Protein backbone atom coordinates (compact mmCIF):
# COMPACT_ATOMS: atom_id res chain seq x y z
CA MET A 1 176.26 110.86 89.10
CA LEU A 2 177.76 113.95 87.45
CA ALA A 3 176.07 112.96 84.20
CA GLY A 4 172.82 112.78 86.13
CA PHE A 5 173.30 116.34 87.34
CA VAL A 6 173.92 117.46 83.75
CA ARG A 7 170.71 115.77 82.58
CA ALA A 8 168.83 117.34 85.48
CA PHE A 9 169.96 120.85 84.52
CA ARG A 10 169.07 120.19 80.88
CA THR A 11 165.45 119.58 81.91
CA PRO A 12 163.79 123.04 82.10
CA ASP A 13 161.30 122.22 84.85
CA LEU A 14 163.83 120.38 87.00
CA ARG A 15 166.45 123.08 86.38
CA LYS A 16 164.07 125.70 87.79
CA LYS A 17 163.50 123.57 90.90
CA LEU A 18 167.23 123.07 91.46
CA LEU A 19 168.02 126.78 90.97
CA PHE A 20 165.17 127.75 93.29
CA THR A 21 166.52 125.33 95.91
CA LEU A 22 170.00 126.85 95.62
CA PHE A 23 168.52 130.37 95.94
CA ILE A 24 166.69 129.48 99.18
CA ILE A 25 169.85 127.86 100.55
CA VAL A 26 171.85 131.05 99.84
CA VAL A 27 169.21 133.22 101.54
CA TYR A 28 169.19 130.87 104.52
CA ARG A 29 172.97 130.99 104.89
CA LEU A 30 172.98 134.78 104.59
CA GLY A 31 170.44 135.00 107.40
CA THR A 32 172.69 133.03 109.74
CA ALA A 33 175.30 135.82 109.48
CA VAL A 34 172.98 138.79 110.18
CA PRO A 35 173.19 139.69 113.91
CA THR A 36 170.11 140.27 116.02
CA PRO A 37 169.46 143.95 116.99
CA GLY A 38 171.01 144.77 120.35
CA VAL A 39 173.81 142.18 120.09
CA SER A 40 177.46 143.10 119.56
CA TYR A 41 178.80 140.78 116.90
CA SER A 42 182.44 141.55 117.77
CA LYS A 43 181.86 140.61 121.43
CA VAL A 44 180.15 137.38 120.39
CA ARG A 45 183.11 136.42 118.19
CA ALA A 46 185.54 137.20 121.02
CA CYS A 47 183.57 134.96 123.40
CA LEU A 48 183.38 132.17 120.81
CA ASP A 49 187.14 132.22 120.29
CA GLY A 50 187.79 131.59 123.97
CA ALA A 51 185.17 128.93 124.69
CA ASP A 52 184.06 125.43 123.67
CA PRO A 53 180.27 125.43 124.14
CA GLN A 54 179.61 122.59 121.71
CA SER A 55 178.28 119.99 124.13
CA GLY A 56 174.83 118.98 125.26
CA PHE A 57 171.59 120.36 123.91
CA ILE A 58 173.08 123.80 123.19
CA GLY A 59 175.67 122.21 120.92
CA LEU A 60 172.96 120.18 119.19
CA ALA A 61 170.79 123.25 118.62
CA ASN A 62 173.82 125.18 117.36
CA LEU A 63 174.55 122.31 114.95
CA PHE A 64 171.01 122.42 113.53
CA SER A 65 171.17 126.20 113.14
CA GLY A 66 174.46 126.07 111.21
CA GLY A 67 176.33 127.94 113.94
CA ALA A 68 173.76 130.76 114.05
CA LEU A 69 172.62 130.03 117.61
CA LEU A 70 175.87 130.94 119.34
CA GLN A 71 176.30 133.93 117.03
CA LEU A 72 172.82 135.18 118.01
CA SER A 73 171.87 135.94 114.41
CA ILE A 74 168.30 136.48 113.21
CA PHE A 75 168.15 132.74 112.38
CA ALA A 76 169.64 131.78 115.75
CA LEU A 77 166.81 129.38 116.66
CA GLY A 78 167.10 127.69 113.28
CA ILE A 79 164.81 124.78 112.51
CA MET A 80 164.89 123.43 116.07
CA PRO A 81 161.44 124.78 117.15
CA TYR A 82 159.84 123.16 114.11
CA ILE A 83 161.57 119.84 114.79
CA THR A 84 160.45 119.92 118.41
CA SER A 85 156.85 120.79 117.54
CA SER A 86 156.73 118.09 114.85
CA ILE A 87 157.92 115.48 117.34
CA ILE A 88 155.39 116.69 119.94
CA ILE A 89 152.49 116.52 117.46
CA GLN A 90 153.60 113.07 116.34
CA LEU A 91 153.70 111.83 119.92
CA LEU A 92 150.33 113.41 120.71
CA THR A 93 148.67 111.48 117.87
CA VAL A 94 149.09 108.38 120.03
CA VAL A 95 147.62 110.05 123.13
CA ILE A 96 144.90 112.40 121.84
CA PRO A 97 142.04 110.68 119.95
CA ARG A 98 141.30 113.84 117.95
CA PHE A 99 144.82 113.89 116.52
CA GLU A 100 144.67 110.16 115.80
CA ALA A 101 141.42 110.67 113.89
CA LEU A 102 142.97 113.51 111.88
CA LYS A 103 145.92 111.28 110.99
CA LYS A 104 143.53 108.70 109.53
CA GLU A 105 141.59 111.26 107.46
CA GLY A 106 144.28 111.44 104.79
CA GLN A 107 145.41 114.67 103.16
CA ALA A 108 142.79 116.88 104.85
CA GLY A 109 143.68 115.61 108.32
CA GLN A 110 147.40 115.94 107.60
CA THR A 111 146.87 119.55 106.55
CA LYS A 112 145.17 120.26 109.86
CA LEU A 113 148.02 118.61 111.82
CA THR A 114 150.52 120.68 109.83
CA GLN A 115 148.63 123.83 110.84
CA TYR A 116 148.81 122.81 114.50
CA THR A 117 152.54 122.20 114.05
CA ARG A 118 152.99 125.74 112.73
CA TYR A 119 151.15 127.29 115.67
CA LEU A 120 153.17 125.23 118.14
CA THR A 121 156.39 126.19 116.33
CA ILE A 122 155.67 129.91 116.82
CA GLY A 123 154.86 129.33 120.50
CA LEU A 124 158.07 127.39 121.05
CA ALA A 125 160.02 130.05 119.15
CA ILE A 126 158.76 132.75 121.55
CA LEU A 127 159.69 130.59 124.54
CA GLN A 128 163.11 129.62 123.19
CA SER A 129 163.96 133.15 122.07
CA SER A 130 163.19 134.42 125.58
CA THR A 131 165.44 131.71 127.02
CA LEU A 132 168.21 132.55 124.55
CA ILE A 133 168.04 136.24 125.46
CA THR A 134 168.32 135.28 129.14
CA PHE A 135 171.55 133.45 128.30
CA ALA A 136 172.69 136.45 126.23
CA ARG A 137 172.28 138.69 129.28
CA ASN A 138 174.40 136.21 131.29
CA PRO A 139 176.82 134.84 128.65
CA GLU A 140 179.23 133.34 131.16
CA GLN A 141 176.78 130.43 131.58
CA ILE A 142 177.49 129.38 127.97
CA PHE A 143 180.88 130.81 127.05
CA GLY A 144 182.60 130.69 130.42
CA PRO A 145 183.56 133.28 133.07
CA SER A 146 185.78 135.23 130.66
CA CYS A 147 182.72 136.37 128.68
CA THR A 148 180.83 139.04 130.64
CA SER A 149 178.76 140.94 128.06
CA ILE A 150 177.62 140.49 124.46
CA MET A 151 174.67 142.93 124.32
CA ASN A 152 174.81 146.65 123.55
CA ASP A 153 171.45 147.45 125.10
CA GLU A 154 169.47 145.50 127.71
CA SER A 155 166.41 147.74 127.90
CA ILE A 156 162.90 146.25 127.78
CA PRO A 157 162.06 147.58 124.27
CA THR A 158 165.29 146.11 122.88
CA ILE A 159 164.59 142.73 124.47
CA LEU A 160 161.05 142.72 123.03
CA ILE A 161 162.44 143.56 119.59
CA MET A 162 164.95 140.70 119.91
CA VAL A 163 162.17 138.24 120.81
CA LEU A 164 160.14 139.48 117.85
CA VAL A 165 163.08 139.22 115.43
CA LEU A 166 164.11 135.73 116.57
CA THR A 167 160.51 134.47 116.38
CA ALA A 168 160.07 136.02 112.94
CA GLY A 169 163.30 134.36 111.86
CA THR A 170 161.92 130.96 112.84
CA GLY A 171 158.69 131.69 110.98
CA LEU A 172 160.68 132.72 107.89
CA ILE A 173 162.73 129.53 108.01
CA MET A 174 159.55 127.46 108.31
CA TRP A 175 158.08 129.31 105.29
CA MET A 176 161.25 128.77 103.23
CA GLY A 177 161.21 125.07 104.08
CA GLU A 178 157.62 124.75 102.87
CA LEU A 179 158.51 126.68 99.71
CA LEU A 180 161.31 124.19 99.05
CA THR A 181 158.86 121.33 99.49
CA ASP A 182 156.32 122.84 97.07
CA ARG A 183 158.53 124.52 94.45
CA GLY A 184 161.93 122.90 95.00
CA ILE A 185 163.10 119.32 94.89
CA GLY A 186 161.12 118.38 98.04
CA ASN A 187 161.95 117.68 101.69
CA GLY A 188 162.37 121.39 102.39
CA MET A 189 162.99 121.22 106.14
CA SER A 190 165.42 118.34 105.71
CA VAL A 191 167.35 120.25 103.04
CA LEU A 192 167.73 123.25 105.38
CA ILE A 193 168.98 121.00 108.19
CA PHE A 194 171.38 119.38 105.71
CA THR A 195 172.64 122.84 104.72
CA SER A 196 173.18 123.87 108.34
CA ILE A 197 175.20 120.78 109.20
CA ALA A 198 177.17 120.61 105.95
CA SER A 199 178.21 124.26 106.33
CA GLY A 200 180.24 123.33 109.41
CA PHE A 201 182.14 120.44 107.83
CA PRO A 202 184.98 122.45 106.17
CA SER A 203 185.78 124.47 109.30
CA SER A 204 185.59 121.36 111.50
CA LEU A 205 188.00 119.44 109.29
CA TRP A 206 190.37 122.40 109.11
CA GLN A 207 190.37 122.68 112.91
CA ILE A 208 191.56 119.07 113.09
CA GLN A 209 194.46 119.86 110.77
CA GLN A 210 195.33 123.06 112.65
CA ARG A 211 195.28 121.34 116.03
CA ASP A 212 197.49 118.39 115.09
CA GLY A 213 199.51 120.04 112.31
CA ARG A 214 200.00 116.65 110.64
CA TRP A 215 198.66 116.00 107.17
CA ASP A 216 198.88 112.21 107.58
CA VAL A 217 196.49 112.36 110.57
CA PHE A 218 194.22 114.73 108.67
CA ILE A 219 194.05 112.45 105.61
CA GLY A 220 193.58 109.40 107.84
CA ILE A 221 190.59 111.02 109.57
CA ILE A 222 189.03 111.89 106.20
CA LEU A 223 189.47 108.30 104.99
CA MET A 224 187.95 107.05 108.23
CA GLY A 225 185.06 109.44 107.62
CA PHE A 226 184.42 107.89 104.20
CA VAL A 227 184.38 104.43 105.79
CA ILE A 228 181.87 105.61 108.42
CA MET A 229 179.71 107.18 105.73
CA ALA A 230 179.74 103.97 103.68
CA ALA A 231 178.70 101.97 106.76
CA VAL A 232 175.91 104.44 107.55
CA ILE A 233 174.63 104.28 103.95
CA PHE A 234 174.66 100.48 104.08
CA VAL A 235 172.63 100.35 107.30
CA GLU A 236 170.24 103.14 106.29
CA GLN A 237 169.41 101.27 103.08
CA SER A 238 169.03 97.91 104.85
CA GLN A 239 165.52 96.60 105.37
CA ARG A 240 163.64 93.40 106.08
CA ARG A 241 160.98 92.80 103.45
CA VAL A 242 158.03 90.87 104.89
CA PRO A 243 156.13 89.28 101.94
CA VAL A 244 152.39 89.98 101.68
CA GLN A 245 149.97 88.16 99.37
CA TYR A 246 146.56 89.60 98.48
CA ALA A 247 143.76 87.18 97.63
CA LYS A 248 141.69 87.65 94.49
CA ARG A 249 138.23 89.11 94.94
CA GLN A 250 135.53 89.99 92.43
CA VAL A 251 133.67 93.29 92.58
CA GLY A 252 130.94 93.37 89.97
CA ARG A 253 132.51 92.20 86.75
CA ARG A 254 136.06 93.14 87.70
CA MET A 255 138.65 91.05 89.52
CA TYR A 256 140.83 92.72 92.14
CA GLY A 257 143.79 91.50 94.17
CA GLY A 258 145.94 88.49 93.54
CA SER A 259 149.13 90.58 93.70
CA SER A 260 152.25 90.11 95.81
CA THR A 261 154.01 92.88 97.67
CA TYR A 262 156.01 93.34 100.85
CA ILE A 263 156.20 95.43 104.02
CA PRO A 264 159.62 97.17 104.19
CA LEU A 265 160.88 97.21 107.78
CA LYS A 266 164.04 99.31 107.96
CA VAL A 267 166.83 98.41 110.34
CA ASN A 268 166.87 102.02 111.54
CA MET A 269 163.18 102.88 111.61
CA ALA A 270 163.62 105.53 114.31
CA GLY A 271 166.03 107.68 112.30
CA VAL A 272 167.88 110.35 114.27
CA ILE A 273 165.06 111.03 116.76
CA PRO A 274 166.43 108.79 119.59
CA VAL A 275 169.78 110.60 119.46
CA ILE A 276 168.04 113.98 119.74
CA PHE A 277 165.92 112.76 122.65
CA ALA A 278 168.93 111.29 124.47
CA SER A 279 171.09 114.41 123.98
CA SER A 280 168.29 116.71 125.14
CA LEU A 281 167.47 114.65 128.23
CA LEU A 282 171.12 114.18 129.20
CA SER A 283 171.75 117.92 129.01
CA LEU A 284 169.05 118.72 131.57
CA PRO A 285 171.02 117.63 134.71
CA ALA A 286 174.01 119.74 133.66
CA LEU A 287 171.72 122.73 133.05
CA VAL A 288 170.07 122.33 136.47
CA ALA A 289 173.46 121.98 138.15
CA GLN A 290 174.70 125.09 136.34
CA PHE A 291 171.90 127.21 137.80
CA ASN A 292 172.54 125.75 141.29
CA THR A 293 176.28 126.44 141.32
CA PRO A 294 177.18 129.13 143.93
CA GLN A 295 178.72 132.29 142.49
CA ASN A 296 180.40 133.50 145.70
CA GLY A 297 183.13 130.85 145.80
CA THR A 298 181.46 128.55 148.34
CA PRO A 299 181.55 124.80 147.62
CA ALA A 300 178.66 123.42 145.60
CA ALA A 301 176.30 120.77 146.93
CA GLY A 302 177.28 117.12 146.62
CA TRP A 303 174.81 116.28 143.87
CA VAL A 304 175.89 119.36 141.90
CA GLN A 305 179.55 118.32 142.10
CA TRP A 306 178.67 114.76 141.03
CA ILE A 307 176.80 116.03 137.96
CA GLN A 308 179.61 118.42 137.07
CA ASN A 309 182.19 115.65 137.38
CA ASN A 310 180.30 112.90 135.55
CA LEU A 311 177.56 114.32 133.29
CA THR A 312 179.12 117.42 131.74
CA ARG A 313 182.10 115.80 129.99
CA GLY A 314 181.33 113.67 126.96
CA ASP A 315 184.44 111.53 127.40
CA HIS A 316 183.44 110.34 130.90
CA PRO A 317 182.47 106.60 131.07
CA ILE A 318 179.32 107.30 133.10
CA TYR A 319 178.19 109.89 130.54
CA MET A 320 178.77 107.43 127.69
CA LEU A 321 176.94 104.63 129.52
CA ILE A 322 173.86 106.73 130.29
CA TYR A 323 173.91 108.16 126.76
CA THR A 324 173.95 104.66 125.27
CA VAL A 325 171.14 103.41 127.52
CA LEU A 326 168.97 106.42 126.66
CA ILE A 327 169.50 105.90 122.93
CA LEU A 328 168.56 102.21 123.20
CA PHE A 329 165.45 103.07 125.22
CA PHE A 330 164.24 105.88 122.95
CA THR A 331 164.84 103.76 119.84
CA PHE A 332 162.45 101.06 121.04
CA PHE A 333 160.04 103.69 122.39
CA TYR A 334 159.86 105.67 119.15
CA VAL A 335 159.55 102.57 116.95
CA SER A 336 156.72 101.29 119.16
CA ILE A 337 154.66 104.47 118.69
CA THR A 338 155.36 104.93 114.95
CA PHE A 339 154.71 101.35 113.81
CA ASN A 340 151.65 99.58 115.20
CA PRO A 341 151.65 95.84 114.25
CA VAL A 342 147.98 95.45 115.28
CA GLU A 343 146.90 98.30 113.01
CA VAL A 344 148.95 96.97 110.09
CA SER A 345 147.52 93.48 110.64
CA ASP A 346 143.94 94.81 110.70
CA ASN A 347 144.47 96.78 107.48
CA MET A 348 145.92 93.71 105.75
CA LYS A 349 142.97 91.60 106.88
CA LYS A 350 140.52 94.29 105.76
CA TYR A 351 141.84 94.25 102.19
CA GLY A 352 142.35 90.49 101.97
CA GLY A 353 146.12 90.45 102.55
CA PHE A 354 148.10 87.87 104.48
CA ILE A 355 151.67 86.84 105.14
CA PRO A 356 152.37 83.41 103.61
CA GLY A 357 152.42 80.79 106.37
CA ILE A 358 150.91 83.15 108.99
CA ARG A 359 147.23 83.32 109.84
CA ALA A 360 145.49 86.67 109.50
CA GLY A 361 144.62 88.69 112.59
CA ARG A 362 146.41 88.31 115.88
CA PRO A 363 149.07 85.80 114.66
CA THR A 364 150.07 88.30 111.97
CA ALA A 365 150.40 91.12 114.53
CA GLU A 366 152.52 88.88 116.80
CA TYR A 367 154.74 87.90 113.87
CA LEU A 368 155.25 91.53 112.81
CA ASP A 369 156.06 92.50 116.40
CA TYR A 370 158.58 89.64 116.61
CA VAL A 371 160.30 90.65 113.36
CA LEU A 372 160.28 94.32 114.31
CA THR A 373 161.89 93.59 117.69
CA ARG A 374 164.57 91.44 116.07
CA ILE A 375 165.63 94.15 113.61
CA THR A 376 165.29 97.04 116.09
CA VAL A 377 167.97 95.55 118.35
CA PRO A 378 170.80 95.94 115.78
CA GLY A 379 169.29 99.28 114.71
CA ALA A 380 169.46 100.62 118.26
CA LEU A 381 173.03 99.36 118.71
CA TYR A 382 173.97 100.96 115.39
CA LEU A 383 172.60 104.34 116.55
CA ALA A 384 174.45 104.05 119.84
CA VAL A 385 177.78 103.26 118.12
CA ILE A 386 177.44 106.10 115.60
CA SER A 387 176.51 108.54 118.37
CA LEU A 388 179.52 107.55 120.50
CA ILE A 389 182.01 108.27 117.71
CA PRO A 390 182.37 112.03 118.49
CA LEU A 391 182.65 111.25 122.23
CA LEU A 392 185.39 108.70 121.56
CA ALA A 393 187.11 111.25 119.33
CA LEU A 394 186.88 113.73 122.22
CA LYS A 395 188.69 111.23 124.45
CA ALA A 396 191.27 110.26 121.84
CA PHE A 397 192.15 113.60 120.21
CA GLY A 398 191.61 116.15 122.95
CA GLY A 399 189.14 118.68 124.22
CA THR A 400 188.13 120.24 120.89
CA ALA A 401 187.47 117.00 119.03
CA SER A 402 183.82 117.01 119.99
CA GLN A 403 183.55 120.33 118.20
CA SER A 404 185.70 119.48 115.17
CA PHE A 405 184.97 115.81 114.49
CA PRO A 406 182.00 115.78 112.10
CA PHE A 407 181.92 112.09 111.15
CA GLY A 408 179.54 110.79 113.78
CA GLY A 409 176.44 111.41 115.83
CA THR A 410 173.48 113.35 114.51
CA SER A 411 175.53 115.15 111.85
CA ILE A 412 176.52 112.09 109.82
CA LEU A 413 173.07 110.48 110.23
CA ILE A 414 171.29 113.57 108.89
CA ILE A 415 173.83 114.24 106.14
CA VAL A 416 173.57 110.68 104.78
CA GLY A 417 169.81 110.35 105.27
CA VAL A 418 168.90 113.65 103.59
CA GLY A 419 171.49 113.10 100.86
CA LEU A 420 170.04 109.70 99.95
CA GLU A 421 166.48 111.03 99.99
CA THR A 422 167.41 114.01 97.78
CA VAL A 423 169.12 111.75 95.25
CA LYS A 424 165.98 109.57 95.14
CA GLN A 425 163.81 112.65 94.57
CA ILE A 426 165.94 113.83 91.62
CA GLN A 427 166.13 110.31 90.22
CA ALA A 428 162.35 109.92 90.41
CA GLN A 429 161.76 113.21 88.60
CA LEU A 430 164.27 112.26 85.90
CA GLN A 431 162.58 108.91 85.38
CA GLN A 432 159.18 110.63 85.08
CA ARG A 433 160.59 112.48 82.08
CA ASN A 434 161.89 109.26 80.45
CA TYR A 435 165.46 109.98 81.36
CA GLU A 436 167.99 107.41 82.44
CA GLY A 437 168.28 106.84 86.19
CA PHE A 438 170.26 109.35 88.24
CA LEU A 439 172.83 106.79 89.45
CA ARG A 440 173.15 104.87 86.18
């Protein structure tokens, strides 16, 4: 692999792309350390030192922003508004006929959907920045009762400037991601997410060593992390290849078809989306209960106490059970809307393709649905197990393990997935220039 990196840097065109990618990553990381106007950075650091706000949707958003969210930097919203808008547009293509038609138009329709995604990203950024500023004015809701103030000025002009700066930061991140896709090594948004998550790995691992003070436990956790990463790579690369045969057909004087190919059905076709959905939905009851908790010392309502006792702690059995059920449900739901067996069957029939031993048309759609269901079951269980690893670490190692245990959940899924895709991109560009494969 190191030899592959050397060959990549020896190729002038590819070297420019890699250096440009590194430059954008440096700019992105610098932006996560620049505080938003009106926020006291020293007060934010003091509140962070005395709190553990790394659970629920806030912890997930902070993970995707590389720690910028809880520091209220200019890149505090990170890539989260773009991810949310992309998921919304993807879901709407199933519901809105206009979006479905654009999806089928090819590159022109995809460009239009991308434009809608940008507009929705800016709208969500305005909404989320306003919500974040509301939390900044009442920081005890995130950092605990010991944190009373993190803003220097709460006047209306300052708040408007903060909304403008945070929204502009999201727009800048979106622009940098598209620049990486066009002029870098590709997958710009994914690379930025990878950078945000990977930046927290060293500090998380060091917190484990500082908490326990034992090097044998520290080394054992790192070795366990390598085993988890190897298992994730194995499953992410696993796929069921459904063979497809195309009949020969003559058009004019030329013969077409007669080739054999396959439909690759991945074990984890849903990716990390079900985990994001489950974490976001499970954080809503705790957020509602937080706003309904009395501040004058009177006892909270029964349903508020039940939520606070069972759905705010990741190591609680009820929390884990509901979390697992939500991941299983969203896995099947997302796969069902992203892969349509009837549409695939119709396209195969249109171009003269068939699965050996299966009749074209409805039998082919039923067979694809059967195979997809069979491989989605282990894929959903795999996502549930990986997502429960940080929660089990929280129960086994103590209260800060959820914050400092990086080998599990969305972090390891994104790190491995983006890493594999980036290696494939570099390998493909090396092979285009008649170089030996990147991993050979």
